[in-house]
Amino acid sequence: MAENSKQYDLEKRTLDFAKNVRAFVRQLPKTIQNIEDGKQLIRSSGSVGANYIEANESLSKKDFGMRIKISRKEAKESRYWLELIETHEQELEFLRKQLLQEATELMMILSSIMRKTV
């Protein structure tokens, strides 16, 4: 197998992140805070990938840069909502930390793309 035959797919990774967030939110204790924070988390996690896809379909370098910046902003916002979520269980806390790590990694990847293209 050639070294570059396994192509890195950021669109799939952002989609998986949004799906994993949704699965996580479904398991959360149904407190007023978690319901409201969970809604915000679902929105921002989905926007990471949606804006990345928009960037890939952009008509100009300027539009691409703007969409990448928005995608990065949404990853950062997802981290914020994940910090506010109350889990109350060890397993959910483990999942929350995994999602925080993924949001951080996505933010760093998008930052790198920004630096190279904008």
PDB file of N, CA and C in Angstrom:
ATOM      1  N   MET A   1       0.849  -1.180   0.000  1.00  0.00           N
ATOM      2  CA  MET A   1       0.000   0.000   0.000  1.00  0.00           C
ATOM      3  C   MET A   1       0.892   1.240   0.000  1.00  0.00           C
ATOM      4  N   ALA A   2       0.651   2.132  -0.918  1.00  0.00           N
ATOM      5  CA  ALA A   2       1.450   3.353  -1.022  1.00  0.00           C
ATOM      6  C   ALA A   2       1.217   4.247   0.178  1.00  0.00           C
ATOM      7  N   GLU A   3       2.244   5.033   0.504  1.00  0.00           N
ATOM      8  CA  GLU A   3       2.185   5.880   1.692  1.00  0.00           C
ATOM      9  C   GLU A   3       1.035   6.874   1.648  1.00  0.00           C
ATOM     10  N   ASN A   4       0.739   7.444   0.473  1.00  0.00           N
ATOM     11  CA  ASN A   4      -0.311   8.456   0.383  1.00  0.00           C
ATOM     12  C   ASN A   4      -1.640   7.894  -0.091  1.00  0.00           C
ATOM     13  N   SER A   5      -1.810   6.578  -0.146  1.00  0.00           N
ATOM     14  CA  SER A   5      -3.059   6.010  -0.635  1.00  0.00           C
ATOM     15  C   SER A   5      -4.201   6.175   0.371  1.00  0.00           C
ATOM     16  N   LYS A   6      -3.885   6.314   1.626  1.00  0.00           N
ATOM     17  CA  LYS A   6      -4.920   6.574   2.625  1.00  0.00           C
ATOM     18  C   LYS A   6      -5.041   8.091   2.795  1.00  0.00           C
ATOM     19  N   GLN A   7      -5.973   8.658   2.048  1.00  0.00           N
ATOM     20  CA  GLN A   7      -6.124  10.108   2.055  1.00  0.00           C
ATOM     21  C   GLN A   7      -6.843  10.550   3.326  1.00  0.00           C
ATOM     22  N   TYR A   8      -6.354  11.629   3.898  1.00  0.00           N
ATOM     23  CA  TYR A   8      -6.953  12.205   5.094  1.00  0.00           C
ATOM     24  C   TYR A   8      -8.219  12.934   4.695  1.00  0.00           C
ATOM     25  N   ASP A   9      -9.349  12.630   5.315  1.00  0.00           N
ATOM     26  CA  ASP A   9     -10.629  13.207   4.933  1.00  0.00           C
ATOM     27  C   ASP A   9     -11.183  14.047   6.095  1.00  0.00           C
ATOM     28  N   LEU A  10     -10.937  15.344   6.036  1.00  0.00           N
ATOM     29  CA  LEU A  10     -11.399  16.238   7.096  1.00  0.00           C
ATOM     30  C   LEU A  10     -12.917  16.396   7.071  1.00  0.00           C
ATOM     31  N   GLU A  11     -13.544  16.282   5.896  1.00  0.00           N
ATOM     32  CA  GLU A  11     -15.002  16.349   5.837  1.00  0.00           C
ATOM     33  C   GLU A  11     -15.611  15.206   6.646  1.00  0.00           C
ATOM     34  N   LYS A  12     -15.066  14.007   6.491  1.00  0.00           N
ATOM     35  CA  LYS A  12     -15.584  12.865   7.251  1.00  0.00           C
ATOM     36  C   LYS A  12     -15.299  13.038   8.741  1.00  0.00           C
ATOM     37  N   ARG A  13     -14.136  13.527   9.062  1.00  0.00           N
ATOM     38  CA  ARG A  13     -13.786  13.712  10.476  1.00  0.00           C
ATOM     39  C   ARG A  13     -14.719  14.714  11.145  1.00  0.00           C
ATOM     40  N   THR A  14     -15.048  15.805  10.453  1.00  0.00           N
ATOM     41  CA  THR A  14     -15.953  16.788  11.044  1.00  0.00           C
ATOM     42  C   THR A  14     -17.374  16.226  11.139  1.00  0.00           C
ATOM     43  N   LEU A  15     -17.764  15.396  10.164  1.00  0.00           N
ATOM     44  CA  LEU A  15     -19.072  14.746  10.225  1.00  0.00           C
ATOM     45  C   LEU A  15     -19.132  13.787  11.413  1.00  0.00           C
ATOM     46  N   ASP A  16     -18.084  12.999  11.590  1.00  0.00           N
ATOM     47  CA  ASP A  16     -18.027  12.075  12.729  1.00  0.00           C
ATOM     48  C   ASP A  16     -18.087  12.828  14.050  1.00  0.00           C
ATOM     49  N   PHE A  17     -17.403  13.976  14.115  1.00  0.00           N
ATOM     50  CA  PHE A  17     -17.437  14.792  15.324  1.00  0.00           C
ATOM     51  C   PHE A  17     -18.866  15.219  15.635  1.00  0.00           C
ATOM     52  N   ALA A  18     -19.577  15.726  14.639  1.00  0.00           N
ATOM     53  CA  ALA A  18     -20.960  16.175  14.846  1.00  0.00           C
ATOM     54  C   ALA A  18     -21.854  15.004  15.268  1.00  0.00           C
ATOM     55  N   LYS A  19     -21.675  13.841  14.654  1.00  0.00           N
ATOM     56  CA  LYS A  19     -22.470  12.661  15.025  1.00  0.00           C
ATOM     57  C   LYS A  19     -22.163  12.212  16.447  1.00  0.00           C
ATOM     58  N   ASN A  20     -20.888  12.221  16.814  1.00  0.00           N
ATOM     59  CA  ASN A  20     -20.498  11.816  18.171  1.00  0.00           C
ATOM     60  C   ASN A  20     -21.034  12.788  19.210  1.00  0.00           C
ATOM     61  N   VAL A  21     -21.055  14.073  18.877  1.00  0.00           N
ATOM     62  CA  VAL A  21     -21.631  15.071  19.789  1.00  0.00           C
ATOM     63  C   VAL A  21     -23.109  14.775  20.007  1.00  0.00           C
ATOM     64  N   ARG A  22     -23.832  14.482  18.943  1.00  0.00           N
ATOM     65  CA  ARG A  22     -25.262  14.193  19.061  1.00  0.00           C
ATOM     66  C   ARG A  22     -25.508  12.959  19.933  1.00  0.00           C
ATOM     67  N   ALA A  23     -24.711  11.930  19.742  1.00  0.00           N
ATOM     68  CA  ALA A  23     -24.852  10.721  20.565  1.00  0.00           C
ATOM     69  C   ALA A  23     -24.560  11.034  22.034  1.00  0.00           C
ATOM     70  N   PHE A  24     -23.560  11.870  22.279  1.00  0.00           N
ATOM     71  CA  PHE A  24     -23.200  12.279  23.636  1.00  0.00           C
ATOM     72  C   PHE A  24     -24.347  13.064  24.282  1.00  0.00           C
ATOM     73  N   VAL A  25     -24.893  14.035  23.569  1.00  0.00           N
ATOM     74  CA  VAL A  25     -25.957  14.885  24.117  1.00  0.00           C
ATOM     75  C   VAL A  25     -27.185  14.054  24.479  1.00  0.00           C
ATOM     76  N   ARG A  26     -27.490  13.026  23.674  1.00  0.00           N
ATOM     77  CA  ARG A  26     -28.638  12.154  23.974  1.00  0.00           C
ATOM     78  C   ARG A  26     -28.491  11.458  25.327  1.00  0.00           C
ATOM     79  N   GLN A  27     -27.256  11.221  25.767  1.00  0.00           N
ATOM     80  CA  GLN A  27     -27.006  10.493  27.013  1.00  0.00           C
ATOM     81  C   GLN A  27     -26.949  11.395  28.247  1.00  0.00           C
ATOM     82  N   LEU A  28     -26.911  12.701  28.043  1.00  0.00           N
ATOM     83  CA  LEU A  28     -26.729  13.614  29.169  1.00  0.00           C
ATOM     84  C   LEU A  28     -27.927  13.648  30.106  1.00  0.00           C
ATOM     85  N   PRO A  29     -27.681  13.932  31.406  1.00  0.00           N
ATOM     86  CA  PRO A  29     -28.789  14.155  32.325  1.00  0.00           C
ATOM     87  C   PRO A  29     -29.630  15.329  31.817  1.00  0.00           C
ATOM     88  N   LYS A  30     -30.933  15.208  31.896  1.00  0.00           N
ATOM     89  CA  LYS A  30     -31.840  16.217  31.347  1.00  0.00           C
ATOM     90  C   LYS A  30     -32.075  17.367  32.334  1.00  0.00           C
ATOM     91  N   THR A  31     -31.026  18.141  32.573  1.00  0.00           N
ATOM     92  CA  THR A  31     -31.170  19.342  33.391  1.00  0.00           C
ATOM     93  C   THR A  31     -31.431  20.527  32.460  1.00  0.00           C
ATOM     94  N   ILE A  32     -31.950  21.606  32.999  1.00  0.00           N
ATOM     95  CA  ILE A  32     -32.211  22.805  32.183  1.00  0.00           C
ATOM     96  C   ILE A  32     -30.923  23.268  31.518  1.00  0.00           C
ATOM     97  N   GLN A  33     -29.830  23.287  32.277  1.00  0.00           N
ATOM     98  CA  GLN A  33     -28.548  23.734  31.730  1.00  0.00           C
ATOM     99  C   GLN A  33     -28.092  22.841  30.585  1.00  0.00           C
ATOM    100  N   ASN A  34     -28.127  21.527  30.795  1.00  0.00           N
ATOM    101  CA  ASN A  34     -27.657  20.604  29.765  1.00  0.00           C
ATOM    102  C   ASN A  34     -28.518  20.652  28.511  1.00  0.00           C
ATOM    103  N   ILE A  35     -29.811  20.847  28.672  1.00  0.00           N
ATOM    104  CA  ILE A  35     -30.693  20.937  27.502  1.00  0.00           C
ATOM    105  C   ILE A  35     -30.316  22.155  26.669  1.00  0.00           C
ATOM    106  N   GLU A  36     -30.168  23.299  27.311  1.00  0.00           N
ATOM    107  CA  GLU A  36     -29.825  24.525  26.572  1.00  0.00           C
ATOM    108  C   GLU A  36     -28.402  24.473  26.026  1.00  0.00           C
ATOM    109  N   ASP A  37     -27.446  24.049  26.843  1.00  0.00           N
ATOM    110  CA  ASP A  37     -26.055  23.961  26.386  1.00  0.00           C
ATOM    111  C   ASP A  37     -25.909  22.894  25.308  1.00  0.00           C
ATOM    112  N   GLY A  38     -26.660  21.808  25.443  1.00  0.00           N
ATOM    113  CA  GLY A  38     -26.630  20.745  24.447  1.00  0.00           C
ATOM    114  C   GLY A  38     -27.118  21.221  23.088  1.00  0.00           C
ATOM    115  N   LYS A  39     -28.164  22.046  23.075  1.00  0.00           N
ATOM    116  CA  LYS A  39     -28.655  22.612  21.809  1.00  0.00           C
ATOM    117  C   LYS A  39     -27.573  23.443  21.138  1.00  0.00           C
ATOM    118  N   GLN A  40     -26.906  24.263  21.917  1.00  0.00           N
ATOM    119  CA  GLN A  40     -25.840  25.105  21.372  1.00  0.00           C
ATOM    120  C   GLN A  40     -24.676  24.254  20.870  1.00  0.00           C
ATOM    121  N   LEU A  41     -24.344  23.222  21.629  1.00  0.00           N
ATOM    122  CA  LEU A  41     -23.251  22.321  21.249  1.00  0.00           C
ATOM    123  C   LEU A  41     -23.572  21.606  19.940  1.00  0.00           C
ATOM    124  N   ILE A  42     -24.805  21.147  19.791  1.00  0.00           N
ATOM    125  CA  ILE A  42     -25.207  20.471  18.557  1.00  0.00           C
ATOM    126  C   ILE A  42     -25.073  21.419  17.369  1.00  0.00           C
ATOM    127  N   ARG A  43     -25.520  22.663  17.539  1.00  0.00           N
ATOM    128  CA  ARG A  43     -25.423  23.640  16.446  1.00  0.00           C
ATOM    129  C   ARG A  43     -23.972  23.907  16.049  1.00  0.00           C
ATOM    130  N   SER A  44     -23.141  24.197  17.048  1.00  0.00           N
ATOM    131  CA  SER A  44     -21.755  24.561  16.727  1.00  0.00           C
ATOM    132  C   SER A  44     -20.975  23.374  16.167  1.00  0.00           C
ATOM    133  N   SER A  45     -21.223  22.169  16.686  1.00  0.00           N
ATOM    134  CA  SER A  45     -20.484  21.003  16.184  1.00  0.00           C
ATOM    135  C   SER A  45     -20.839  20.702  14.735  1.00  0.00           C
ATOM    136  N   GLY A  46     -22.085  20.888  14.371  1.00  0.00           N
ATOM    137  CA  GLY A  46     -22.484  20.676  12.980  1.00  0.00           C
ATOM    138  C   GLY A  46     -21.947  21.753  12.058  1.00  0.00           C
ATOM    139  N   SER A  47     -21.805  22.962  12.577  1.00  0.00           N
ATOM    140  CA  SER A  47     -21.309  24.077  11.774  1.00  0.00           C
ATOM    141  C   SER A  47     -19.835  23.942  11.424  1.00  0.00           C
ATOM    142  N   VAL A  48     -19.083  23.207  12.230  1.00  0.00           N
ATOM    143  CA  VAL A  48     -17.666  23.000  11.923  1.00  0.00           C
ATOM    144  C   VAL A  48     -17.557  22.364  10.535  1.00  0.00           C
ATOM    145  N   GLY A  49     -18.226  21.256  10.333  1.00  0.00           N
ATOM    146  CA  GLY A  49     -18.160  20.545   9.065  1.00  0.00           C
ATOM    147  C   GLY A  49     -18.876  21.253   7.941  1.00  0.00           C
ATOM    148  N   ALA A  50     -20.029  21.849   8.246  1.00  0.00           N
ATOM    149  CA  ALA A  50     -20.788  22.537   7.205  1.00  0.00           C
ATOM    150  C   ALA A  50     -19.974  23.679   6.612  1.00  0.00           C
ATOM    151  N   ASN A  51     -19.298  24.436   7.439  1.00  0.00           N
ATOM    152  CA  ASN A  51     -18.486  25.543   6.937  1.00  0.00           C
ATOM    153  C   ASN A  51     -17.222  25.057   6.255  1.00  0.00           C
ATOM    154  N   TYR A  52     -16.687  23.918   6.690  1.00  0.00           N
ATOM    155  CA  TYR A  52     -15.534  23.350   6.004  1.00  0.00           C
ATOM    156  C   TYR A  52     -15.934  22.919   4.583  1.00  0.00           C
ATOM    157  N   ILE A  53     -17.084  22.304   4.446  1.00  0.00           N
ATOM    158  CA  ILE A  53     -17.583  21.922   3.122  1.00  0.00           C
ATOM    159  C   ILE A  53     -17.786  23.168   2.261  1.00  0.00           C
ATOM    160  N   GLU A  54     -18.372  24.210   2.851  1.00  0.00           N
ATOM    161  CA  GLU A  54     -18.549  25.475   2.123  1.00  0.00           C
ATOM    162  C   GLU A  54     -17.206  26.035   1.663  1.00  0.00           C
ATOM    163  N   ALA A  55     -16.202  25.924   2.509  1.00  0.00           N
ATOM    164  CA  ALA A  55     -14.871  26.416   2.138  1.00  0.00           C
ATOM    165  C   ALA A  55     -14.345  25.663   0.919  1.00  0.00           C
ATOM    166  N   ASN A  56     -14.538  24.361   0.917  1.00  0.00           N
ATOM    167  CA  ASN A  56     -14.057  23.554  -0.203  1.00  0.00           C
ATOM    168  C   ASN A  56     -14.798  23.861  -1.505  1.00  0.00           C
ATOM    169  N   GLU A  57     -15.985  24.424  -1.408  1.00  0.00           N
ATOM    170  CA  GLU A  57     -16.773  24.775  -2.589  1.00  0.00           C
ATOM    171  C   GLU A  57     -16.684  26.263  -2.905  1.00  0.00           C
ATOM    172  N   SER A  58     -15.819  26.973  -2.214  1.00  0.00           N
ATOM    173  CA  SER A  58     -15.740  28.432  -2.373  1.00  0.00           C
ATOM    174  C   SER A  58     -15.280  28.817  -3.774  1.00  0.00           C
ATOM    175  N   LEU A  59     -15.667  30.030  -4.162  1.00  0.00           N
ATOM    176  CA  LEU A  59     -15.342  30.534  -5.490  1.00  0.00           C
ATOM    177  C   LEU A  59     -14.075  31.371  -5.514  1.00  0.00           C
ATOM    178  N   SER A  60     -13.612  31.763  -4.347  1.00  0.00           N
ATOM    179  CA  SER A  60     -12.408  32.590  -4.292  1.00  0.00           C
ATOM    180  C   SER A  60     -11.574  32.231  -3.074  1.00  0.00           C
ATOM    181  N   LYS A  61     -10.323  32.656  -3.097  1.00  0.00           N
ATOM    182  CA  LYS A  61      -9.430  32.422  -1.963  1.00  0.00           C
ATOM    183  C   LYS A  61      -9.930  33.171  -0.725  1.00  0.00           C
ATOM    184  N   LYS A  62     -10.474  34.360  -0.938  1.00  0.00           N
ATOM    185  CA  LYS A  62     -11.007  35.153   0.172  1.00  0.00           C
ATOM    186  C   LYS A  62     -12.193  34.445   0.835  1.00  0.00           C
ATOM    187  N   ASP A  63     -13.097  33.910   0.014  1.00  0.00           N
ATOM    188  CA  ASP A  63     -14.252  33.176   0.531  1.00  0.00           C
ATOM    189  C   ASP A  63     -13.789  31.919   1.270  1.00  0.00           C
ATOM    190  N   PHE A  64     -12.810  31.220   0.702  1.00  0.00           N
ATOM    191  CA  PHE A  64     -12.256  30.028   1.349  1.00  0.00           C
ATOM    192  C   PHE A  64     -11.731  30.386   2.734  1.00  0.00           C
ATOM    193  N   GLY A  65     -10.927  31.457   2.813  1.00  0.00           N
ATOM    194  CA  GLY A  65     -10.362  31.876   4.096  1.00  0.00           C
ATOM    195  C   GLY A  65     -11.429  32.225   5.114  1.00  0.00           C
ATOM    196  N   MET A  66     -12.477  32.914   4.671  1.00  0.00           N
ATOM    197  CA  MET A  66     -13.554  33.290   5.587  1.00  0.00           C
ATOM    198  C   MET A  66     -14.263  32.049   6.139  1.00  0.00           C
ATOM    199  N   ARG A  67     -14.541  31.081   5.262  1.00  0.00           N
ATOM    200  CA  ARG A  67     -15.235  29.854   5.688  1.00  0.00           C
ATOM    201  C   ARG A  67     -14.370  29.020   6.639  1.00  0.00           C
ATOM    202  N   ILE A  68     -13.089  28.965   6.378  1.00  0.00           N
ATOM    203  CA  ILE A  68     -12.185  28.236   7.273  1.00  0.00           C
ATOM    204  C   ILE A  68     -12.157  28.921   8.640  1.00  0.00           C
ATOM    205  N   LYS A  69     -12.131  30.243   8.657  1.00  0.00           N
ATOM    206  CA  LYS A  69     -12.157  30.981   9.925  1.00  0.00           C
ATOM    207  C   LYS A  69     -13.440  30.700  10.693  1.00  0.00           C
ATOM    208  N   ILE A  70     -14.569  30.670   9.981  1.00  0.00           N
ATOM    209  CA  ILE A  70     -15.851  30.376  10.636  1.00  0.00           C
ATOM    210  C   ILE A  70     -15.845  28.950  11.178  1.00  0.00           C
ATOM    211  N   SER A  71     -15.333  28.015  10.406  1.00  0.00           N
ATOM    212  CA  SER A  71     -15.266  26.624  10.847  1.00  0.00           C
ATOM    213  C   SER A  71     -14.417  26.504  12.119  1.00  0.00           C
ATOM    214  N   ARG A  72     -13.287  27.202  12.133  1.00  0.00           N
ATOM    215  CA  ARG A  72     -12.424  27.204  13.319  1.00  0.00           C
ATOM    216  C   ARG A  72     -13.152  27.817  14.521  1.00  0.00           C
ATOM    217  N   LYS A  73     -13.866  28.904  14.285  1.00  0.00           N
ATOM    218  CA  LYS A  73     -14.633  29.569  15.342  1.00  0.00           C
ATOM    219  C   LYS A  73     -15.682  28.612  15.928  1.00  0.00           C
ATOM    220  N   GLU A  74     -16.327  27.840  15.071  1.00  0.00           N
ATOM    221  CA  GLU A  74     -17.342  26.894  15.535  1.00  0.00           C
ATOM    222  C   GLU A  74     -16.712  25.754  16.338  1.00  0.00           C
ATOM    223  N   ALA A  75     -15.514  25.324  15.958  1.00  0.00           N
ATOM    224  CA  ALA A  75     -14.807  24.296  16.740  1.00  0.00           C
ATOM    225  C   ALA A  75     -14.470  24.845  18.119  1.00  0.00           C
ATOM    226  N   LYS A  76     -14.032  26.105  18.142  1.00  0.00           N
ATOM    227  CA  LYS A  76     -13.711  26.745  19.422  1.00  0.00           C
ATOM    228  C   LYS A  76     -14.972  26.898  20.273  1.00  0.00           C
ATOM    229  N   GLU A  77     -16.078  27.259  19.639  1.00  0.00           N
ATOM    230  CA  GLU A  77     -17.337  27.384  20.362  1.00  0.00           C
ATOM    231  C   GLU A  77     -17.800  26.030  20.894  1.00  0.00           C
ATOM    232  N   SER A  78     -17.590  24.979  20.123  1.00  0.00           N
ATOM    233  CA  SER A  78     -17.953  23.631  20.586  1.00  0.00           C
ATOM    234  C   SER A  78     -17.191  23.283  21.859  1.00  0.00           C
ATOM    235  N   ARG A  79     -15.918  23.656  21.899  1.00  0.00           N
ATOM    236  CA  ARG A  79     -15.127  23.441  23.122  1.00  0.00           C
ATOM    237  C   ARG A  79     -15.765  24.160  24.311  1.00  0.00           C
ATOM    238  N   TYR A  80     -16.197  25.379  24.098  1.00  0.00           N
ATOM    239  CA  TYR A  80     -16.816  26.169  25.159  1.00  0.00           C
ATOM    240  C   TYR A  80     -18.049  25.452  25.721  1.00  0.00           C
ATOM    241  N   TRP A  81     -18.944  25.009  24.827  1.00  0.00           N
ATOM    242  CA  TRP A  81     -20.163  24.340  25.296  1.00  0.00           C
ATOM    243  C   TRP A  81     -19.836  23.019  25.977  1.00  0.00           C
ATOM    244  N   LEU A  82     -18.827  22.309  25.476  1.00  0.00           N
ATOM    245  CA  LEU A  82     -18.418  21.064  26.134  1.00  0.00           C
ATOM    246  C   LEU A  82     -17.905  21.320  27.541  1.00  0.00           C
ATOM    247  N   GLU A  83     -17.251  22.441  27.744  1.00  0.00           N
ATOM    248  CA  GLU A  83     -16.767  22.794  29.087  1.00  0.00           C
ATOM    249  C   GLU A  83     -17.936  23.045  30.044  1.00  0.00           C
ATOM    250  N   LEU A  84     -19.040  23.572  29.539  1.00  0.00           N
ATOM    251  CA  LEU A  84     -20.190  23.902  30.392  1.00  0.00           C
ATOM    252  C   LEU A  84     -21.076  22.704  30.725  1.00  0.00           C
ATOM    253  N   ILE A  85     -21.052  21.683  29.889  1.00  0.00           N
ATOM    254  CA  ILE A  85     -21.907  20.506  30.080  1.00  0.00           C
ATOM    255  C   ILE A  85     -21.574  19.825  31.408  1.00  0.00           C
ATOM    256  N   GLU A  86     -22.630  19.421  32.119  1.00  0.00           N
ATOM    257  CA  GLU A  86     -22.469  18.685  33.378  1.00  0.00           C
ATOM    258  C   GLU A  86     -22.782  17.208  33.110  1.00  0.00           C
ATOM    259  N   THR A  87     -21.823  16.345  33.405  1.00  0.00           N
ATOM    260  CA  THR A  87     -22.001  14.930  33.081  1.00  0.00           C
ATOM    261  C   THR A  87     -22.490  14.082  34.254  1.00  0.00           C
ATOM    262  N   HIS A  88     -21.953  14.277  35.441  1.00  0.00           N
ATOM    263  CA  HIS A  88     -22.326  13.531  36.655  1.00  0.00           C
ATOM    264  C   HIS A  88     -22.023  12.040  36.620  1.00  0.00           C
ATOM    265  N   GLU A  89     -21.395  11.545  35.558  1.00  0.00           N
ATOM    266  CA  GLU A  89     -21.038  10.124  35.468  1.00  0.00           C
ATOM    267  C   GLU A  89     -19.641  10.002  34.889  1.00  0.00           C
ATOM    268  N   GLN A  90     -18.901   9.010  35.350  1.00  0.00           N
ATOM    269  CA  GLN A  90     -17.528   8.818  34.895  1.00  0.00           C
ATOM    270  C   GLN A  90     -17.462   8.521  33.395  1.00  0.00           C
ATOM    271  N   GLU A  91     -18.359   7.672  32.901  1.00  0.00           N
ATOM    272  CA  GLU A  91     -18.343   7.317  31.475  1.00  0.00           C
ATOM    273  C   GLU A  91     -18.657   8.531  30.597  1.00  0.00           C
ATOM    274  N   LEU A  92     -19.648   9.320  31.002  1.00  0.00           N
ATOM    275  CA  LEU A  92     -19.982  10.524  30.236  1.00  0.00           C
ATOM    276  C   LEU A  92     -18.864  11.559  30.313  1.00  0.00           C
ATOM    277  N   GLU A  93     -18.214  11.630  31.439  1.00  0.00           N
ATOM    278  CA  GLU A  93     -17.086  12.561  31.578  1.00  0.00           C
ATOM    279  C   GLU A  93     -15.947  12.156  30.656  1.00  0.00           C
ATOM    280  N   PHE A  94     -15.715  10.862  30.533  1.00  0.00           N
ATOM    281  CA  PHE A  94     -14.696  10.358  29.615  1.00  0.00           C
ATOM    282  C   PHE A  94     -15.042  10.749  28.175  1.00  0.00           C
ATOM    283  N   LEU A  95     -16.304  10.572  27.780  1.00  0.00           N
ATOM    284  CA  LEU A  95     -16.749  10.961  26.438  1.00  0.00           C
ATOM    285  C   LEU A  95     -16.613  12.468  26.217  1.00  0.00           C
ATOM    286  N   ARG A  96     -16.968  13.243  27.231  1.00  0.00           N
ATOM    287  CA  ARG A  96     -16.856  14.699  27.141  1.00  0.00           C
ATOM    288  C   ARG A  96     -15.403  15.105  26.881  1.00  0.00           C
ATOM    289  N   LYS A  97     -14.487  14.480  27.596  1.00  0.00           N
ATOM    290  CA  LYS A  97     -13.064  14.799  27.417  1.00  0.00           C
ATOM    291  C   LYS A  97     -12.565  14.380  26.036  1.00  0.00           C
ATOM    292  N   GLN A  98     -13.059  13.261  25.520  1.00  0.00           N
ATOM    293  CA  GLN A  98     -12.696  12.843  24.162  1.00  0.00           C
ATOM    294  C   GLN A  98     -13.184  13.868  23.133  1.00  0.00           C
ATOM    295  N   LEU A  99     -14.408  14.333  23.319  1.00  0.00           N
ATOM    296  CA  LEU A  99     -14.960  15.324  22.396  1.00  0.00           C
ATOM    297  C   LEU A  99     -14.226  16.657  22.512  1.00  0.00           C
ATOM    298  N   LEU A 100     -13.845  17.026  23.726  1.00  0.00           N
ATOM    299  CA  LEU A 100     -13.036  18.235  23.906  1.00  0.00           C
ATOM    300  C   LEU A 100     -11.718  18.117  23.158  1.00  0.00           C
ATOM    301  N   GLN A 101     -11.090  16.955  23.243  1.00  0.00           N
ATOM    302  CA  GLN A 101      -9.827  16.723  22.547  1.00  0.00           C
ATOM    303  C   GLN A 101     -10.024  16.817  21.036  1.00  0.00           C
ATOM    304  N   GLU A 102     -11.098  16.221  20.531  1.00  0.00           N
ATOM    305  CA  GLU A 102     -11.346  16.260  19.089  1.00  0.00           C
ATOM    306  C   GLU A 102     -11.633  17.691  18.625  1.00  0.00           C
ATOM    307  N   ALA A 103     -12.420  18.437  19.397  1.00  0.00           N
ATOM    308  CA  ALA A 103     -12.697  19.838  19.040  1.00  0.00           C
ATOM    309  C   ALA A 103     -11.402  20.646  19.011  1.00  0.00           C
ATOM    310  N   THR A 104     -10.523  20.384  19.966  1.00  0.00           N
ATOM    311  CA  THR A 104      -9.232  21.076  20.020  1.00  0.00           C
ATOM    312  C   THR A 104      -8.381  20.715  18.805  1.00  0.00           C
ATOM    313  N   GLU A 105      -8.330  19.439  18.464  1.00  0.00           N
ATOM    314  CA  GLU A 105      -7.550  19.013  17.308  1.00  0.00           C
ATOM    315  C   GLU A 105      -8.100  19.609  16.015  1.00  0.00           C
ATOM    316  N   LEU A 106      -9.421  19.625  15.869  1.00  0.00           N
ATOM    317  CA  LEU A 106     -10.027  20.232  14.683  1.00  0.00           C
ATOM    318  C   LEU A 106      -9.679  21.719  14.612  1.00  0.00           C
ATOM    319  N   MET A 107      -9.733  22.383  15.737  1.00  0.00           N
ATOM    320  CA  MET A 107      -9.389  23.802  15.774  1.00  0.00           C
ATOM    321  C   MET A 107      -7.943  24.019  15.337  1.00  0.00           C
ATOM    322  N   MET A 108      -7.050  23.178  15.796  1.00  0.00           N
ATOM    323  CA  MET A 108      -5.632  23.302  15.434  1.00  0.00           C
ATOM    324  C   MET A 108      -5.408  23.012  13.947  1.00  0.00           C
ATOM    325  N   ILE A 109      -6.094  22.017  13.413  1.00  0.00           N
ATOM    326  CA  ILE A 109      -5.988  21.701  11.985  1.00  0.00           C
ATOM    327  C   ILE A 109      -6.488  22.877  11.149  1.00  0.00           C
ATOM    328  N   LEU A 110      -7.636  23.418  11.532  1.00  0.00           N
ATOM    329  CA  LEU A 110      -8.204  24.546  10.799  1.00  0.00           C
ATOM    330  C   LEU A 110      -7.331  25.777  10.928  1.00  0.00           C
ATOM    331  N   SER A 111      -6.697  25.970  12.075  1.00  0.00           N
ATOM    332  CA  SER A 111      -5.762  27.085  12.252  1.00  0.00           C
ATOM    333  C   SER A 111      -4.575  26.938  11.304  1.00  0.00           C
ATOM    334  N   SER A 112      -4.091  25.725  11.170  1.00  0.00           N
ATOM    335  CA  SER A 112      -2.971  25.464  10.269  1.00  0.00           C
ATOM    336  C   SER A 112      -3.361  25.749   8.819  1.00  0.00           C
ATOM    337  N   ILE A 113      -4.550  25.337   8.429  1.00  0.00           N
ATOM    338  CA  ILE A 113      -5.043  25.615   7.080  1.00  0.00           C
ATOM    339  C   ILE A 113      -5.133  27.136   6.868  1.00  0.00           C
ATOM    340  N   MET A 114      -5.639  27.832   7.877  1.00  0.00           N
ATOM    341  CA  MET A 114      -5.736  29.299   7.788  1.00  0.00           C
ATOM    342  C   MET A 114      -4.376  29.931   7.564  1.00  0.00           C
ATOM    343  N   ARG A 115      -3.401  29.527   8.354  1.00  0.00           N
ATOM    344  CA  ARG A 115      -2.064  30.103   8.248  1.00  0.00           C
ATOM    345  C   ARG A 115      -1.446  29.878   6.870  1.00  0.00           C
ATOM    346  N   LYS A 116      -1.727  28.728   6.284  1.00  0.00           N
ATOM    347  CA  LYS A 116      -1.131  28.382   4.996  1.00  0.00           C
ATOM    348  C   LYS A 116      -1.832  29.013   3.810  1.00  0.00           C
ATOM    349  N   THR A 117      -3.087  29.402   3.989  1.00  0.00           N
ATOM    350  CA  THR A 117      -3.854  29.876   2.826  1.00  0.00           C
ATOM    351  C   THR A 117      -4.298  31.327   2.907  1.00  0.00           C
ATOM    352  N   VAL A 118      -4.355  31.873   4.098  1.00  0.00           N
ATOM    353  CA  VAL A 118      -4.902  33.234   4.236  1.00  0.00           C
ATOM    354  C   VAL A 118      -3.802  34.254   4.357  1.00  0.00           C
TER     355      VAL A 118
END
